Protein backbone atom coordinates (compact mmCIF):
# COMPACT_ATOMS: atom_id res chain seq x y z
CA MET A 1 19.11 -54.15 27.44
CA ALA A 2 16.38 -54.43 25.51
CA VAL A 3 16.91 -56.94 22.64
CA PHE A 4 13.83 -58.85 21.39
CA GLY A 5 11.90 -56.69 18.82
CA ASN A 6 11.03 -53.03 17.91
CA ILE A 7 8.22 -51.05 18.79
CA GLY A 8 8.57 -48.24 16.82
CA SER A 9 6.89 -44.53 17.15
CA PHE A 10 2.63 -44.37 17.69
CA ASN A 11 1.09 -43.40 14.45
CA GLU A 12 -2.48 -42.78 15.00
CA LYS A 13 -3.46 -43.53 10.64
CA VAL A 14 -2.64 -47.26 11.04
CA GLU A 15 -3.52 -48.40 14.85
CA LEU A 16 -4.69 -47.33 17.51
CA PHE A 17 -2.98 -45.89 21.03
CA GLN A 18 -4.49 -49.27 22.97
CA ASP A 19 -3.19 -51.17 20.34
CA PHE A 20 0.27 -49.75 20.69
CA THR A 21 0.03 -49.98 24.24
CA ASN A 22 0.02 -53.50 24.04
CA ARG A 23 2.83 -53.90 22.18
CA CYS A 24 4.70 -51.47 24.29
CA ASP A 25 3.36 -54.57 27.04
CA THR A 26 4.59 -57.26 25.22
CA PHE A 27 7.75 -55.19 24.91
CA LEU A 28 8.53 -54.92 28.22
CA ALA A 29 7.98 -58.25 29.57
CA ALA A 30 10.22 -59.95 26.35
CA ASN A 31 13.20 -57.83 27.58
CA ARG A 32 12.13 -57.90 31.09
CA ILE A 33 13.26 -53.92 31.25
CA TYR A 34 12.79 -52.97 35.26
CA GLU A 35 9.54 -51.15 35.94
CA GLU A 36 11.96 -47.52 37.19
CA LEU A 37 12.91 -47.64 32.99
CA GLN A 38 9.64 -48.30 32.00
CA VAL A 39 8.49 -44.92 31.53
CA GLY A 40 11.14 -43.78 30.11
CA LEU A 41 11.57 -46.16 27.23
CA PHE A 42 7.21 -45.28 26.91
CA LEU A 43 8.20 -41.30 26.39
CA VAL A 44 10.69 -42.18 23.61
CA VAL A 45 9.15 -44.38 21.77
CA VAL A 46 5.67 -43.05 22.02
CA GLY A 47 6.60 -39.64 18.87
CA ALA A 48 6.68 -36.56 19.06
CA ASP A 49 2.89 -35.47 18.68
CA ALA A 50 2.18 -37.54 21.36
CA PHE A 51 4.00 -37.15 23.25
CA LYS A 52 2.80 -33.36 23.53
CA LEU A 53 -0.59 -34.42 24.02
CA VAL A 54 0.31 -36.68 26.90
CA LYS A 55 2.53 -34.01 28.63
CA ASN A 56 -0.50 -31.77 28.53
CA LEU A 57 -2.79 -34.48 29.65
CA CYS A 58 -0.50 -35.04 33.31
CA HIS A 59 -0.14 -30.91 33.65
CA PRO A 60 0.95 -30.36 36.01
CA THR A 61 2.90 -33.02 36.80
CA MET A 62 5.48 -34.22 34.71
CA ALA A 63 4.84 -37.11 32.75
CA ASN A 64 8.39 -38.93 33.44
CA LEU A 65 7.22 -38.48 36.98
CA LYS A 66 4.44 -40.62 36.68
CA THR A 67 4.40 -44.69 36.10
CA TYR A 68 3.61 -46.07 33.09
CA ALA A 69 0.85 -48.19 34.56
CA GLN A 70 -0.70 -43.89 35.27
CA LEU A 71 -0.02 -43.38 31.43
CA LYS A 72 -1.33 -46.49 30.00
CA ALA A 73 -4.37 -45.03 32.65
CA LEU A 74 -5.08 -41.68 30.64
CA THR A 75 -5.79 -43.96 27.41
CA GLU A 76 -9.16 -45.34 28.87
CA HIS A 77 -11.87 -44.63 27.08
CA ASP A 78 -9.91 -43.67 23.78
CA THR A 79 -9.04 -40.01 25.41
CA LEU A 80 -5.72 -39.77 23.17
CA LYS A 81 -7.21 -41.22 20.41
CA CYS A 82 -9.93 -38.15 20.52
CA SER A 83 -6.86 -35.64 21.37
CA LEU A 84 -5.40 -36.62 18.41
CA CYS A 85 -8.20 -36.74 16.39
CA LEU A 86 -9.47 -32.78 17.27
CA ARG A 87 -5.45 -31.78 17.18
CA LYS A 88 -5.35 -33.15 13.21
CA ASP A 89 -9.40 -31.65 12.55
CA CYS A 90 -8.06 -28.34 13.83
CA LEU A 91 -4.72 -28.36 11.76
CA GLU A 92 -6.93 -29.43 8.92
CA PRO A 93 -9.56 -26.52 7.38
CA HIS A 94 -13.49 -27.25 6.96
CA PRO A 95 -14.76 -25.37 4.61
CA LEU A 96 -17.29 -23.11 5.93
CA PRO A 97 -20.83 -23.57 4.52
CA PRO A 98 -22.39 -22.08 1.28
CA ILE A 99 -24.47 -18.80 1.61
CA HIS A 100 -26.85 -18.23 -0.53
CA SER A 101 -28.45 -15.08 -1.91
CA LEU A 102 -32.11 -15.32 -3.42
CA ASN A 103 -31.52 -19.10 -3.82
CA ASN A 104 -27.92 -18.56 -5.50
CA PRO A 105 -24.96 -19.95 -3.86
CA LEU A 106 -22.45 -17.29 -3.14
CA GLU A 107 -18.79 -17.71 -3.69
CA GLU A 108 -16.47 -17.48 -1.21
CA VAL A 109 -13.17 -14.61 -2.73
CA LEU A 110 -10.61 -13.30 -1.09
CA SER A 111 -10.81 -10.26 -1.84
CA PHE A 112 -13.34 -7.90 -4.18
CA LYS A 113 -13.54 -4.33 -5.22
CA LEU A 114 -16.69 -2.23 -4.23
CA LEU A 115 -16.70 1.43 -5.96
CA GLY A 116 -12.86 0.76 -6.51
CA LEU A 117 -12.48 -0.20 -3.11
CA THR A 118 -10.03 -3.17 -2.69
CA ILE A 119 -11.74 -5.25 0.30
CA CYS A 120 -9.80 -8.43 1.26
CA HIS A 121 -10.94 -11.31 3.87
CA ASP A 122 -8.43 -9.59 6.63
CA LEU A 123 -9.51 -6.23 6.04
CA SER A 124 -5.83 -5.30 5.30
CA TRP A 125 -5.53 -2.41 2.92
CA GLU A 126 -2.24 -3.91 1.33
CA SER A 127 -4.15 -5.31 -1.97
CA HIS A 128 -5.83 -1.48 -1.92
CA ILE A 129 -3.01 0.58 -1.58
CA SER A 130 -1.24 -1.79 -3.82
CA ASN A 131 -3.38 -1.83 -6.72
CA LEU A 132 -3.26 2.64 -6.34
CA ALA A 133 -0.04 2.95 -6.02
CA SER A 134 0.45 0.52 -9.66
CA LYS A 135 -1.82 2.74 -11.63
CA ALA A 136 -0.69 5.71 -10.74
CA SER A 137 2.96 4.96 -11.49
CA ARG A 138 1.41 3.85 -14.72
CA ARG A 139 0.11 7.68 -14.85
CA LEU A 140 3.67 9.04 -14.17
CA GLY A 141 4.34 8.42 -18.44
CA ILE A 142 1.60 11.26 -18.43
CA LEU A 143 4.26 13.44 -16.82
CA HIS A 144 6.99 12.18 -19.04
CA ARG A 145 5.70 12.90 -22.14
CA ALA A 146 4.32 16.06 -21.30
CA LYS A 147 7.37 17.05 -19.51
CA SER A 148 8.86 18.72 -22.83
CA PHE A 149 5.73 20.87 -23.57
CA LEU A 150 4.76 22.62 -20.45
CA ASP A 151 6.00 24.14 -17.39
CA PRO A 152 6.68 22.93 -13.94
CA LEU A 153 3.55 24.69 -12.63
CA GLU A 154 1.20 22.78 -15.42
CA LEU A 155 2.86 19.79 -14.69
CA LEU A 156 2.33 20.37 -10.90
CA THR A 157 -1.42 20.69 -12.25
CA THR A 158 -1.27 17.58 -14.63
CA TYR A 159 -0.27 15.66 -11.59
CA LYS A 160 -2.56 16.84 -9.30
CA ALA A 161 -5.31 15.75 -11.66
CA CYS A 162 -4.32 12.52 -12.92
CA VAL A 163 -2.06 11.17 -10.34
CA ARG A 164 -2.49 12.16 -7.27
CA SER A 165 -5.93 12.11 -7.42
CA LEU A 166 -5.63 8.42 -7.72
CA MET A 167 -3.82 7.93 -4.89
CA GLU A 168 -5.73 9.94 -2.55
CA TYR A 169 -9.21 7.87 -3.33
CA CYS A 170 -10.81 6.75 -0.46
CA SER A 171 -7.83 8.26 1.83
CA SER A 172 -9.57 8.46 4.54
CA LEU A 173 -9.81 4.71 4.98
CA GLY A 174 -7.05 4.07 4.05
CA ALA A 175 -4.82 6.78 5.95
CA GLY A 176 -4.38 4.15 8.82
CA ALA A 177 -2.84 1.72 6.94
CA PRO A 178 1.02 0.54 8.13
CA ALA A 179 3.76 2.69 7.15
CA SER A 180 5.27 -0.28 4.80
CA HIS A 181 2.01 -0.19 2.94
CA LEU A 182 1.95 3.75 2.40
CA SER A 183 5.49 4.05 1.43
CA ARG A 184 4.56 2.67 -2.29
CA PHE A 185 2.24 6.03 -2.46
CA HIS A 186 5.62 7.70 -1.04
CA ALA A 187 7.68 6.24 -4.12
CA VAL A 188 5.12 7.39 -7.00
CA GLU A 189 5.01 10.58 -5.23
CA THR A 190 8.31 10.85 -5.00
CA LYS A 191 9.53 10.13 -9.32
CA ALA A 192 6.97 12.65 -9.75
CA PHE A 193 8.47 15.40 -7.68
CA ARG A 194 11.42 14.33 -10.15
CA ILE A 195 9.60 14.71 -13.25
CA ILE A 196 8.22 17.96 -11.91
CA GLY A 197 11.75 19.44 -11.39
CA ILE A 198 10.64 20.38 -6.72
CA SER A 199 12.10 18.04 -4.09
CA CYS A 200 9.95 17.12 -0.91
CA ASN A 201 11.28 18.99 0.94
CA GLU A 202 9.75 22.26 -0.83
CA ALA A 203 6.99 19.85 -2.13
CA GLU A 204 6.73 19.12 1.83
CA SER A 205 7.11 22.82 2.85
CA LEU A 206 4.11 23.67 0.16
CA GLY A 207 1.97 21.38 1.67
CA LEU A 208 2.07 19.13 -1.44
CA SER A 209 2.78 16.08 0.35
CA LEU A 210 0.28 12.66 1.00
CA SER A 211 1.33 12.57 4.10
CA HIS A 212 0.81 16.31 5.25
CA ARG A 213 -2.79 15.82 2.99
CA ARG A 214 -3.70 12.62 5.07
CA LEU A 215 -3.13 14.41 8.60
CA VAL A 216 -4.80 17.34 7.51
CA GLY A 217 -8.12 15.02 6.04
CA GLY A 218 -7.65 13.16 9.24
CA LEU A 219 -8.52 16.36 11.14
CA SER A 220 -11.49 17.51 8.62
CA VAL A 221 -13.26 14.78 9.28
CA PHE A 222 -12.60 14.46 12.62
CA TYR A 223 -14.02 18.64 13.14
CA HIS A 224 -17.05 17.34 10.62
CA LEU A 225 -17.86 14.65 13.21
CA LEU A 226 -17.02 16.55 16.00
CA SER A 227 -19.22 19.41 14.98
CA SER A 228 -22.35 17.52 13.82
CA LEU A 229 -22.10 15.03 16.74
CA ALA A 230 -20.56 16.71 19.93
CA PRO A 231 -22.38 19.67 21.91
CA LEU A 232 -21.16 22.58 23.11
CA CYS A 233 -21.62 21.67 26.75
CA SER A 234 -20.01 18.79 26.11
CA LEU A 235 -17.07 20.32 24.62
CA SER A 236 -16.81 22.67 27.38
CA ALA A 237 -16.06 19.88 30.22
CA ILE A 238 -13.89 18.76 27.70
CA CYS A 239 -11.39 21.41 26.97
CA PRO A 240 -12.95 24.37 29.40
CA HIS A 241 -9.68 26.23 29.42
CA HIS A 242 -9.51 26.18 25.25
CA ILE A 243 -12.76 27.44 24.20
CA SER A 244 -12.39 30.88 22.65
CA THR A 245 -14.46 33.64 24.38
CA GLY A 246 -15.12 35.38 20.64
CA CYS A 247 -12.13 37.66 20.13
CA SER A 248 -11.27 36.86 16.60
CA ARG A 249 -13.31 37.26 13.41
CA SER A 250 -14.21 33.49 13.37
CA ALA A 251 -15.75 34.12 17.40
CA ASN A 252 -19.37 33.16 15.41
CA ASN A 253 -17.56 29.19 15.60
CA PRO A 254 -18.19 27.71 18.63
CA LEU A 255 -15.46 25.01 18.57
CA LEU A 256 -12.73 27.71 17.79
CA VAL A 257 -9.90 27.05 20.36
CA LYS A 258 -7.12 28.84 20.91
CA LEU A 259 -3.57 28.21 20.21
CA PRO A 260 -1.12 29.31 23.04
CA LYS A 261 1.48 31.60 21.51
CA SER A 262 4.93 30.69 20.56
CA ARG A 263 7.36 31.32 23.13
CA GLY A 264 10.23 32.65 20.41
CA GLY A 265 7.88 35.68 19.48
CA GLY A 266 8.68 35.83 16.20
CA GLY A 267 5.13 35.21 15.16
CA GLY A 268 1.58 35.42 16.04
CA GLY A 269 -0.35 33.62 18.17
CA GLY A 270 -3.86 33.29 17.22
CA GLY A 271 -6.70 30.64 16.96
CA GLY A 272 -7.99 27.62 14.73
CA GLY A 273 -10.46 25.73 14.20
C-alpha cells in the first residue's frame, strides 16, 4: 500500500509531462509498488484529459494492457505535451485575420441586412423570419383599429396590403426554412384571420394561407426556371408519356402536361402547366 507522498493529477499549466512522469517514478519507487500495479496507478492519477490522449495514442490497444515503460515511451520528444497544447488550441477560438476593402478594415458581424433581407453567419433564416413576423404582428393593430369601420372584405384587402405583403417578402428564399421558424408566420396569420372574421379552414379553401401561397410560388419559380433553361427535347426525355399533344386551348405551351383523370368520376380531368 502506498504510504509516502501524493502525486496528484497532471496539470499542463504548471508542469511538463516529463516532470510528471519523473514524480511518478519517484512515487512508485518510494512505495515499492509492483510492476503489474504501476500501469493502473499511472492511469488513475494522470487526469481525465491526459488519460483520453494516452488512450488515443495507444489505440487500437487498450492503455491498461501496456506496461508502465511503454506508456512513458509515448512521451518521448514531448509527444503528449504537444497533443495537449494542440487540444487546447482547438478548444479556444482564434480570431480570423481582418478583411480590408479600400484599405479599410471590415467589421465582423454575426448578421446584417441587405435590402430588407437579414443574412446570418450560419445561413439560417430564423432571424429574417423573426424580424418579419414581429413587424407583421405589430401591424395587426391596423386591423384592430379599422375593424369598426370596414367590412370583412375590406379588412381582408387591408391585411393583404399591410400584413401579408410583409411576411411574403423574399418568401421564395425562405420557403425551405424549418417548420418551427415558419410557424411564427402562421401565428400572425391566425390572429389576422380571427380579426377579419374567417376561420383558418375557410382561408385554406380560398387559397389565402401563406403555406398554400408558398407552394404555389415554389411551383411558379420552378416552372419559369424549367421553361427558360430546359429545351423541349430534354423535357420529352424526362416525361415522354405525359407531354400534351395539343388537345387543349393551351396547346401552344410546350410545357403543358396531362394529368390523369380522377377515378371518382366527379370532375374533369384536364391538363395543367
